[in-house]
PDB file of N, CA and C in Angstrom:
ATOM      1  N   MET A   1      89.360  61.283 -35.280  1.00  0.00           N
ATOM      2  CA  MET A   1      90.358  60.261 -35.105  1.00  0.00           C
ATOM      3  C   MET A   1      89.865  59.235 -34.080  1.00  0.00           C
ATOM      4  N   VAL A   2      89.924  57.988 -34.406  1.00  0.00           N
ATOM      5  CA  VAL A   2      89.523  56.907 -33.511  1.00  0.00           C
ATOM      6  C   VAL A   2      90.706  56.564 -32.621  1.00  0.00           C
ATOM      7  N   GLU A   3      90.447  56.448 -31.307  1.00  0.00           N
ATOM      8  CA  GLU A   3      91.530  56.077 -30.403  1.00  0.00           C
ATOM      9  C   GLU A   3      91.076  54.998 -29.437  1.00  0.00           C
ATOM     10  N   GLU A   4      92.020  54.248 -28.946  1.00  0.00           N
ATOM     11  CA  GLU A   4      91.756  53.181 -27.992  1.00  0.00           C
ATOM     12  C   GLU A   4      91.665  53.818 -26.596  1.00  0.00           C
ATOM     13  N   ILE A   5      90.529  53.608 -25.896  1.00  0.00           N
ATOM     14  CA  ILE A   5      90.277  54.295 -24.621  1.00  0.00           C
ATOM     15  C   ILE A   5      90.145  53.342 -23.438  1.00  0.00           C
ATOM     16  N   THR A   6      90.555  52.095 -23.578  1.00  0.00           N
ATOM     17  CA  THR A   6      90.408  51.093 -22.529  1.00  0.00           C
ATOM     18  C   THR A   6      90.994  51.549 -21.198  1.00  0.00           C
ATOM     19  N   SER A   7      92.157  52.199 -21.233  1.00  0.00           N
ATOM     20  CA  SER A   7      92.821  52.591 -19.986  1.00  0.00           C
ATOM     21  C   SER A   7      92.010  53.614 -19.192  1.00  0.00           C
ATOM     22  N   GLY A   8      91.096  54.305 -19.817  1.00  0.00           N
ATOM     23  CA  GLY A   8      90.263  55.287 -19.122  1.00  0.00           C
ATOM     24  C   GLY A   8      88.921  54.737 -18.659  1.00  0.00           C
ATOM     25  N   CYS A   9      88.669  53.455 -18.893  1.00  0.00           N
ATOM     26  CA  CYS A   9      87.396  52.837 -18.519  1.00  0.00           C
ATOM     27  C   CYS A   9      87.462  52.261 -17.107  1.00  0.00           C
ATOM     28  N   THR A  10      86.297  52.167 -16.468  1.00  0.00           N
ATOM     29  CA  THR A  10      86.171  51.514 -15.176  1.00  0.00           C
ATOM     30  C   THR A  10      85.399  50.216 -15.384  1.00  0.00           C
ATOM     31  N   PHE A  11      85.946  49.121 -14.895  1.00  0.00           N
ATOM     32  CA  PHE A  11      85.297  47.823 -15.007  1.00  0.00           C
ATOM     33  C   PHE A  11      84.864  47.397 -13.612  1.00  0.00           C
ATOM     34  N   THR A  12      83.556  47.205 -13.416  1.00  0.00           N
ATOM     35  CA  THR A  12      83.027  46.844 -12.105  1.00  0.00           C
ATOM     36  C   THR A  12      82.399  45.471 -12.199  1.00  0.00           C
ATOM     37  N   ARG A  13      82.913  44.562 -11.403  1.00  0.00           N
ATOM     38  CA  ARG A  13      82.413  43.197 -11.440  1.00  0.00           C
ATOM     39  C   ARG A  13      81.261  42.965 -10.479  1.00  0.00           C
ATOM     40  N   LYS A  14      81.357  43.512  -9.299  1.00  0.00           N
ATOM     41  CA  LYS A  14      80.295  43.365  -8.304  1.00  0.00           C
ATOM     42  C   LYS A  14      79.580  44.703  -8.202  1.00  0.00           C
ATOM     43  N   ILE A  15      78.449  44.784  -8.829  1.00  0.00           N
ATOM     44  CA  ILE A  15      77.721  46.042  -8.903  1.00  0.00           C
ATOM     45  C   ILE A  15      76.761  46.144  -7.718  1.00  0.00           C
ATOM     46  N   PRO A  16      76.893  47.218  -6.903  1.00  0.00           N
ATOM     47  CA  PRO A  16      75.997  47.375  -5.755  1.00  0.00           C
ATOM     48  C   PRO A  16      74.682  48.004  -6.195  1.00  0.00           C
ATOM     49  N   GLY A  17      73.958  47.296  -7.010  1.00  0.00           N
ATOM     50  CA  GLY A  17      72.748  47.894  -7.536  1.00  0.00           C
ATOM     51  C   GLY A  17      71.680  46.873  -7.852  1.00  0.00           C
ATOM     52  N   PHE A  18      70.710  47.355  -8.607  1.00  0.00           N
ATOM     53  CA  PHE A  18      69.537  46.548  -8.889  1.00  0.00           C
ATOM     54  C   PHE A  18      69.096  46.730 -10.328  1.00  0.00           C
ATOM     55  N   CYS A  19      68.399  45.753 -10.834  1.00  0.00           N
ATOM     56  CA  CYS A  19      67.731  45.867 -12.122  1.00  0.00           C
ATOM     57  C   CYS A  19      66.249  45.651 -11.849  1.00  0.00           C
ATOM     58  N   LEU A  20      65.457  46.606 -12.253  1.00  0.00           N
ATOM     59  CA  LEU A  20      64.006  46.534 -12.053  1.00  0.00           C
ATOM     60  C   LEU A  20      63.333  46.439 -13.415  1.00  0.00           C
ATOM     61  N   LYS A  21      62.491  45.437 -13.577  1.00  0.00           N
ATOM     62  CA  LYS A  21      61.734  45.281 -14.816  1.00  0.00           C
ATOM     63  C   LYS A  21      60.351  45.878 -14.605  1.00  0.00           C
ATOM     64  N   ILE A  22      59.960  46.769 -15.511  1.00  0.00           N
ATOM     65  CA  ILE A  22      58.633  47.388 -15.467  1.00  0.00           C
ATOM     66  C   ILE A  22      57.915  46.998 -16.749  1.00  0.00           C
ATOM     67  N   GLU A  23      56.760  46.394 -16.617  1.00  0.00           N
ATOM     68  CA  GLU A  23      55.985  45.964 -17.782  1.00  0.00           C
ATOM     69  C   GLU A  23      54.614  46.608 -17.727  1.00  0.00           C
ATOM     70  N   THR A  24      54.223  47.272 -18.811  1.00  0.00           N
ATOM     71  CA  THR A  24      52.917  47.932 -18.858  1.00  0.00           C
ATOM     72  C   THR A  24      51.872  46.994 -19.467  1.00  0.00           C
ATOM     73  N   ALA A  25      50.637  47.396 -19.338  1.00  0.00           N
ATOM     74  CA  ALA A  25      49.562  46.700 -20.048  1.00  0.00           C
ATOM     75  C   ALA A  25      49.699  47.021 -21.536  1.00  0.00           C
ATOM     76  N   ASP A  26      48.971  46.308 -22.373  1.00  0.00           N
ATOM     77  CA  ASP A  26      49.070  46.558 -23.818  1.00  0.00           C
ATOM     78  C   ASP A  26      48.254  47.766 -24.267  1.00  0.00           C
ATOM     79  N   THR A  27      47.952  48.638 -23.323  1.00  0.00           N
ATOM     80  CA  THR A  27      47.210  49.870 -23.627  1.00  0.00           C
ATOM     81  C   THR A  27      48.083  51.113 -23.499  1.00  0.00           C
ATOM     82  N   ALA A  28      49.409  50.927 -23.293  1.00  0.00           N
ATOM     83  CA  ALA A  28      50.310  52.068 -23.108  1.00  0.00           C
ATOM     84  C   ALA A  28      50.412  52.874 -24.405  1.00  0.00           C
ATOM     85  N   ASP A  29      50.315  54.194 -24.251  1.00  0.00           N
ATOM     86  CA  ASP A  29      50.371  55.106 -25.392  1.00  0.00           C
ATOM     87  C   ASP A  29      51.629  55.961 -25.342  1.00  0.00           C
ATOM     88  N   ASP A  30      52.065  56.434 -26.480  1.00  0.00           N
ATOM     89  CA  ASP A  30      53.156  57.383 -26.568  1.00  0.00           C
ATOM     90  C   ASP A  30      52.808  58.591 -25.709  1.00  0.00           C
ATOM     91  N   GLY A  31      53.709  58.983 -24.818  1.00  0.00           N
ATOM     92  CA  GLY A  31      53.471  60.135 -23.943  1.00  0.00           C
ATOM     93  C   GLY A  31      52.925  59.791 -22.566  1.00  0.00           C
ATOM     94  N   ASP A  32      52.458  58.553 -22.362  1.00  0.00           N
ATOM     95  CA  ASP A  32      52.008  58.139 -21.023  1.00  0.00           C
ATOM     96  C   ASP A  32      53.206  58.167 -20.065  1.00  0.00           C
ATOM     97  N   THR A  33      52.935  58.282 -18.768  1.00  0.00           N
ATOM     98  CA  THR A  33      54.019  58.331 -17.786  1.00  0.00           C
ATOM     99  C   THR A  33      53.880  57.225 -16.747  1.00  0.00           C
ATOM    100  N   ILE A  34      55.039  56.830 -16.210  1.00  0.00           N
ATOM    101  CA  ILE A  34      55.134  55.865 -15.124  1.00  0.00           C
ATOM    102  C   ILE A  34      55.979  56.536 -14.046  1.00  0.00           C
ATOM    103  N   VAL A  35      55.499  56.516 -12.803  1.00  0.00           N
ATOM    104  CA  VAL A  35      56.207  57.161 -11.696  1.00  0.00           C
ATOM    105  C   VAL A  35      56.737  56.084 -10.756  1.00  0.00           C
ATOM    106  N   VAL A  36      58.044  56.162 -10.451  1.00  0.00           N
ATOM    107  CA  VAL A  36      58.707  55.157  -9.617  1.00  0.00           C
ATOM    108  C   VAL A  36      59.451  55.856  -8.477  1.00  0.00           C
ATOM    109  N   THR A  37      59.121  55.517  -7.239  1.00  0.00           N
ATOM    110  CA  THR A  37      59.875  56.015  -6.095  1.00  0.00           C
ATOM    111  C   THR A  37      61.065  55.078  -5.920  1.00  0.00           C
ATOM    112  N   LEU A  38      62.263  55.592  -6.179  1.00  0.00           N
ATOM    113  CA  LEU A  38      63.464  54.756  -6.216  1.00  0.00           C
ATOM    114  C   LEU A  38      63.707  53.995  -4.922  1.00  0.00           C
ATOM    115  N   ALA A  39      63.498  54.635  -3.780  1.00  0.00           N
ATOM    116  CA  ALA A  39      63.750  53.991  -2.485  1.00  0.00           C
ATOM    117  C   ALA A  39      62.879  52.753  -2.282  1.00  0.00           C
ATOM    118  N   ASP A  40      61.719  52.713  -2.895  1.00  0.00           N
ATOM    119  CA  ASP A  40      60.840  51.541  -2.777  1.00  0.00           C
ATOM    120  C   ASP A  40      61.496  50.287  -3.347  1.00  0.00           C
ATOM    121  N   TYR A  41      62.506  50.466  -4.203  1.00  0.00           N
ATOM    122  CA  TYR A  41      63.181  49.347  -4.853  1.00  0.00           C
ATOM    123  C   TYR A  41      64.666  49.295  -4.493  1.00  0.00           C
ATOM    124  N   GLY A  42      65.045  49.966  -3.400  1.00  0.00           N
ATOM    125  CA  GLY A  42      66.406  49.926  -2.905  1.00  0.00           C
ATOM    126  C   GLY A  42      67.406  50.733  -3.707  1.00  0.00           C
ATOM    127  N   MET A  43      66.925  51.656  -4.513  1.00  0.00           N
ATOM    128  CA  MET A  43      67.801  52.449  -5.362  1.00  0.00           C
ATOM    129  C   MET A  43      67.952  53.871  -4.840  1.00  0.00           C
ATOM    130  N   LYS A  44      69.165  54.407  -5.015  1.00  0.00           N
ATOM    131  CA  LYS A  44      69.410  55.806  -4.683  1.00  0.00           C
ATOM    132  C   LYS A  44      69.590  56.643  -5.948  1.00  0.00           C
ATOM    133  N   THR A  45      70.212  56.044  -6.957  1.00  0.00           N
ATOM    134  CA  THR A  45      70.433  56.737  -8.226  1.00  0.00           C
ATOM    135  C   THR A  45      70.109  55.805  -9.386  1.00  0.00           C
ATOM    136  N   ILE A  46      69.949  56.402 -10.547  1.00  0.00           N
ATOM    137  CA  ILE A  46      69.696  55.651 -11.780  1.00  0.00           C
ATOM    138  C   ILE A  46      70.972  55.604 -12.593  1.00  0.00           C
ATOM    139  N   GLU A  47      71.327  54.418 -13.064  1.00  0.00           N
ATOM    140  CA  GLU A  47      72.498  54.254 -13.918  1.00  0.00           C
ATOM    141  C   GLU A  47      72.092  54.192 -15.386  1.00  0.00           C
ATOM    142  N   GLY A  48      70.894  53.703 -15.665  1.00  0.00           N
ATOM    143  CA  GLY A  48      70.460  53.599 -17.058  1.00  0.00           C
ATOM    144  C   GLY A  48      69.084  52.987 -17.171  1.00  0.00           C
ATOM    145  N   ILE A  49      68.525  53.113 -18.363  1.00  0.00           N
ATOM    146  CA  ILE A  49      67.210  52.529 -18.649  1.00  0.00           C
ATOM    147  C   ILE A  49      67.185  52.072 -20.101  1.00  0.00           C
ATOM    148  N   ALA A  50      66.579  50.927 -20.327  1.00  0.00           N
ATOM    149  CA  ALA A  50      66.370  50.417 -21.680  1.00  0.00           C
ATOM    150  C   ALA A  50      64.870  50.230 -21.855  1.00  0.00           C
ATOM    151  N   GLY A  51      64.345  50.652 -22.981  1.00  0.00           N
ATOM    152  CA  GLY A  51      62.912  50.543 -23.231  1.00  0.00           C
ATOM    153  C   GLY A  51      62.616  49.740 -24.485  1.00  0.00           C
ATOM    154  N   TYR A  52      61.505  49.009 -24.426  1.00  0.00           N
ATOM    155  CA  TYR A  52      61.108  48.166 -25.552  1.00  0.00           C
ATOM    156  C   TYR A  52      59.594  48.225 -25.724  1.00  0.00           C
ATOM    157  N   THR A  53      59.152  48.035 -26.954  1.00  0.00           N
ATOM    158  CA  THR A  53      57.720  47.937 -27.234  1.00  0.00           C
ATOM    159  C   THR A  53      57.454  46.627 -27.958  1.00  0.00           C
ATOM    160  N   HIS A  54      56.279  46.082 -27.741  1.00  0.00           N
ATOM    161  CA  HIS A  54      55.871  44.868 -28.441  1.00  0.00           C
ATOM    162  C   HIS A  54      54.988  45.296 -29.612  1.00  0.00           C
ATOM    163  N   SER A  55      55.522  45.210 -30.827  1.00  0.00           N
ATOM    164  CA  SER A  55      54.725  45.627 -31.989  1.00  0.00           C
ATOM    165  C   SER A  55      53.585  44.654 -32.253  1.00  0.00           C
ATOM    166  N   THR A  56      53.777  43.413 -31.866  1.00  0.00           N
ATOM    167  CA  THR A  56      52.727  42.405 -31.878  1.00  0.00           C
ATOM    168  C   THR A  56      52.736  41.837 -30.462  1.00  0.00           C
ATOM    169  N   THR A  57      51.605  41.807 -29.794  1.00  0.00           N
ATOM    170  CA  THR A  57      51.553  41.426 -28.393  1.00  0.00           C
ATOM    171  C   THR A  57      52.344  40.161 -28.099  1.00  0.00           C
ATOM    172  N   ASP A  58      53.297  40.293 -27.147  1.00  0.00           N
ATOM    173  CA  ASP A  58      54.156  39.192 -26.710  1.00  0.00           C
ATOM    174  C   ASP A  58      54.952  38.545 -27.843  1.00  0.00           C
ATOM    175  N   SER A  59      55.231  39.300 -28.896  1.00  0.00           N
ATOM    176  CA  SER A  59      55.947  38.714 -30.016  1.00  0.00           C
ATOM    177  C   SER A  59      57.118  39.595 -30.443  1.00  0.00           C
ATOM    178  N   ILE A  60      56.927  40.467 -31.395  1.00  0.00           N
ATOM    179  CA  ILE A  60      58.007  41.270 -31.944  1.00  0.00           C
ATOM    180  C   ILE A  60      58.364  42.387 -30.975  1.00  0.00           C
ATOM    181  N   VAL A  61      59.633  42.427 -30.554  1.00  0.00           N
ATOM    182  CA  VAL A  61      60.088  43.411 -29.579  1.00  0.00           C
ATOM    183  C   VAL A  61      61.025  44.396 -30.278  1.00  0.00           C
ATOM    184  N   ILE A  62      60.756  45.692 -30.090  1.00  0.00           N
ATOM    185  CA  ILE A  62      61.526  46.754 -30.737  1.00  0.00           C
ATOM    186  C   ILE A  62      62.078  47.679 -29.664  1.00  0.00           C
ATOM    187  N   SER A  63      63.348  48.052 -29.797  1.00  0.00           N
ATOM    188  CA  SER A  63      63.955  49.000 -28.872  1.00  0.00           C
ATOM    189  C   SER A  63      63.268  50.350 -29.010  1.00  0.00           C
ATOM    190  N   GLU A  64      63.043  51.009 -27.868  1.00  0.00           N
ATOM    191  CA  GLU A  64      62.336  52.289 -27.862  1.00  0.00           C
ATOM    192  C   GLU A  64      62.906  53.146 -26.740  1.00  0.00           C
ATOM    193  N   ALA A  65      63.211  54.386 -27.023  1.00  0.00           N
ATOM    194  CA  ALA A  65      63.849  55.256 -26.033  1.00  0.00           C
ATOM    195  C   ALA A  65      62.825  56.092 -25.267  1.00  0.00           C
ATOM    196  N   PRO A  66      62.717  55.857 -23.947  1.00  0.00           N
ATOM    197  CA  PRO A  66      61.834  56.686 -23.134  1.00  0.00           C
ATOM    198  C   PRO A  66      62.562  57.968 -22.727  1.00  0.00           C
ATOM    199  N   THR A  67      61.814  58.930 -22.276  1.00  0.00           N
ATOM    200  CA  THR A  67      62.379  60.136 -21.678  1.00  0.00           C
ATOM    201  C   THR A  67      62.239  59.979 -20.173  1.00  0.00           C
ATOM    202  N   THR A  68      63.255  60.406 -19.414  1.00  0.00           N
ATOM    203  CA  THR A  68      63.200  60.249 -17.966  1.00  0.00           C
ATOM    204  C   THR A  68      63.592  61.532 -17.259  1.00  0.00           C
ATOM    205  N   SER A  69      63.116  61.661 -16.025  1.00  0.00           N
ATOM    206  CA  SER A  69      63.563  62.738 -15.137  1.00  0.00           C
ATOM    207  C   SER A  69      63.464  62.221 -13.713  1.00  0.00           C
ATOM    208  N   VAL A  70      64.373  62.711 -12.845  1.00  0.00           N
ATOM    209  CA  VAL A  70      64.362  62.321 -11.442  1.00  0.00           C
ATOM    210  C   VAL A  70      64.313  63.587 -10.603  1.00  0.00           C
ATOM    211  N   THR A  71      63.342  63.641  -9.688  1.00  0.00           N
ATOM    212  CA  THR A  71      63.207  64.759  -8.770  1.00  0.00           C
ATOM    213  C   THR A  71      62.958  64.196  -7.377  1.00  0.00           C
ATOM    214  N   ALA A  72      63.835  64.547  -6.442  1.00  0.00           N
ATOM    215  CA  ALA A  72      63.702  64.136  -5.042  1.00  0.00           C
ATOM    216  C   ALA A  72      63.495  62.627  -4.902  1.00  0.00           C
ATOM    217  N   GLY A  73      64.266  61.835  -5.674  1.00  0.00           N
ATOM    218  CA  GLY A  73      64.198  60.387  -5.552  1.00  0.00           C
ATOM    219  C   GLY A  73      63.024  59.742  -6.249  1.00  0.00           C
ATOM    220  N   VAL A  74      62.291  60.505  -7.050  1.00  0.00           N
ATOM    221  CA  VAL A  74      61.148  59.957  -7.786  1.00  0.00           C
ATOM    222  C   VAL A  74      61.450  60.049  -9.279  1.00  0.00           C
ATOM    223  N   LEU A  75      61.445  58.904  -9.936  1.00  0.00           N
ATOM    224  CA  LEU A  75      61.706  58.811 -11.367  1.00  0.00           C
ATOM    225  C   LEU A  75      60.401  58.880 -12.135  1.00  0.00           C
ATOM    226  N   THR A  76      60.374  59.694 -13.169  1.00  0.00           N
ATOM    227  CA  THR A  76      59.234  59.719 -14.086  1.00  0.00           C
ATOM    228  C   THR A  76      59.721  59.234 -15.442  1.00  0.00           C
ATOM    229  N   ILE A  77      59.094  58.182 -15.943  1.00  0.00           N
ATOM    230  CA  ILE A  77      59.398  57.633 -17.263  1.00  0.00           C
ATOM    231  C   ILE A  77      58.281  58.060 -18.199  1.00  0.00           C
ATOM    232  N   THR A  78      58.627  58.705 -19.291  1.00  0.00           N
ATOM    233  CA  THR A  78      57.643  59.061 -20.314  1.00  0.00           C
ATOM    234  C   THR A  78      57.838  58.123 -21.487  1.00  0.00           C
ATOM    235  N   VAL A  79      56.779  57.399 -21.843  1.00  0.00           N
ATOM    236  CA  VAL A  79      56.833  56.425 -22.927  1.00  0.00           C
ATOM    237  C   VAL A  79      57.191  57.141 -24.225  1.00  0.00           C
ATOM    238  N   GLY A  80      58.172  56.589 -24.939  1.00  0.00           N
ATOM    239  CA  GLY A  80      58.574  57.153 -26.229  1.00  0.00           C
ATOM    240  C   GLY A  80      57.966  56.362 -27.363  1.00  0.00           C
ATOM    241  N   GLY A  81      58.463  56.587 -28.549  1.00  0.00           N
ATOM    242  CA  GLY A  81      57.941  55.876 -29.713  1.00  0.00           C
ATOM    243  C   GLY A  81      56.795  56.629 -30.337  1.00  0.00           C
ATOM    244  N   SER A  82      56.142  55.998 -31.272  1.00  0.00           N
ATOM    245  CA  SER A  82      55.077  56.685 -31.993  1.00  0.00           C
ATOM    246  C   SER A  82      53.798  55.872 -32.092  1.00  0.00           C
ATOM    247  N   THR A  83      53.716  54.797 -31.319  1.00  0.00           N
ATOM    248  CA  THR A  83      52.521  53.963 -31.412  1.00  0.00           C
ATOM    249  C   THR A  83      51.757  53.947 -30.092  1.00  0.00           C
ATOM    250  N   ASP A  84      50.487  53.749 -30.184  1.00  0.00           N
ATOM    251  CA  ASP A  84      49.606  53.662 -29.030  1.00  0.00           C
ATOM    252  C   ASP A  84      49.106  52.224 -28.876  1.00  0.00           C
ATOM    253  N   ASN A  85      48.593  51.941 -27.683  1.00  0.00           N
ATOM    254  CA  ASN A  85      48.007  50.635 -27.379  1.00  0.00           C
ATOM    255  C   ASN A  85      48.977  49.488 -27.630  1.00  0.00           C
ATOM    256  N   LYS A  86      50.185  49.634 -27.066  1.00  0.00           N
ATOM    257  CA  LYS A  86      51.200  48.587 -27.163  1.00  0.00           C
ATOM    258  C   LYS A  86      51.783  48.332 -25.784  1.00  0.00           C
ATOM    259  N   LYS A  87      52.148  47.077 -25.505  1.00  0.00           N
ATOM    260  CA  LYS A  87      52.827  46.750 -24.248  1.00  0.00           C
ATOM    261  C   LYS A  87      54.243  47.296 -24.311  1.00  0.00           C
ATOM    262  N   ARG A  88      54.692  47.910 -23.201  1.00  0.00           N
ATOM    263  CA  ARG A  88      56.061  48.399 -23.088  1.00  0.00           C
ATOM    264  C   ARG A  88      56.752  47.666 -21.954  1.00  0.00           C
ATOM    265  N   VAL A  89      58.053  47.454 -22.108  1.00  0.00           N
ATOM    266  CA  VAL A  89      58.881  46.858 -21.068  1.00  0.00           C
ATOM    267  C   VAL A  89      60.089  47.766 -20.889  1.00  0.00           C
ATOM    268  N   PHE A  90      60.388  48.109 -19.626  1.00  0.00           N
ATOM    269  CA  PHE A  90      61.540  48.933 -19.311  1.00  0.00           C
ATOM    270  C   PHE A  90      62.418  48.175 -18.335  1.00  0.00           C
ATOM    271  N   LEU A  91      63.717  48.199 -18.576  1.00  0.00           N
ATOM    272  CA  LEU A  91      64.695  47.651 -17.648  1.00  0.00           C
ATOM    273  C   LEU A  91      65.435  48.826 -17.048  1.00  0.00           C
ATOM    274  N   LEU A  92      65.290  48.992 -15.753  1.00  0.00           N
ATOM    275  CA  LEU A  92      65.840  50.136 -15.029  1.00  0.00           C
ATOM    276  C   LEU A  92      67.025  49.662 -14.200  1.00  0.00           C
ATOM    277  N   PHE A  93      68.170  50.281 -14.401  1.00  0.00           N
ATOM    278  CA  PHE A  93      69.388  49.936 -13.665  1.00  0.00           C
ATOM    279  C   PHE A  93      69.673  51.010 -12.655  1.00  0.00           C
ATOM    280  N   GLY A  94      69.702  50.648 -11.372  1.00  0.00           N
ATOM    281  CA  GLY A  94      69.911  51.608 -10.308  1.00  0.00           C
ATOM    282  C   GLY A  94      71.046  51.216  -9.395  1.00  0.00           C
ATOM    283  N   ASP A  95      71.536  52.187  -8.661  1.00  0.00           N
ATOM    284  CA  ASP A  95      72.645  51.973  -7.749  1.00  0.00           C
ATOM    285  C   ASP A  95      72.137  52.178  -6.312  1.00  0.00           C
ATOM    286  N   SER A  96      72.545  51.274  -5.418  1.00  0.00           N
ATOM    287  CA  SER A  96      72.081  51.354  -4.041  1.00  0.00           C
ATOM    288  C   SER A  96      73.099  51.999  -3.123  1.00  0.00           C
ATOM    289  N   SER A  97      74.279  52.323  -3.641  1.00  0.00           N
ATOM    290  CA  SER A  97      75.307  52.865  -2.777  1.00  0.00           C
ATOM    291  C   SER A  97      75.253  54.390  -2.685  1.00  0.00           C
TER     292      SER A  97
END
């Protein structure tokens, strides 16, 4: 059953956080990892991540889901998808509070 859930949502206008763009070289392969120390970018927690791959260098952009884990304030991003030697771009949303 579909129901309207607006009353249970939280709407935040002034977000105490950051967006970090991470761009790899065009040699990134499926399964490669990127390590990010959150405090280096003013973040305490991760709110979300969006990943993209360039199927043609600097041209066609495709959504791609990375795998992530956080241990002791260090985020590890594992490149997803099924192609090698492609540029990846990740948008990381973090909270500073």
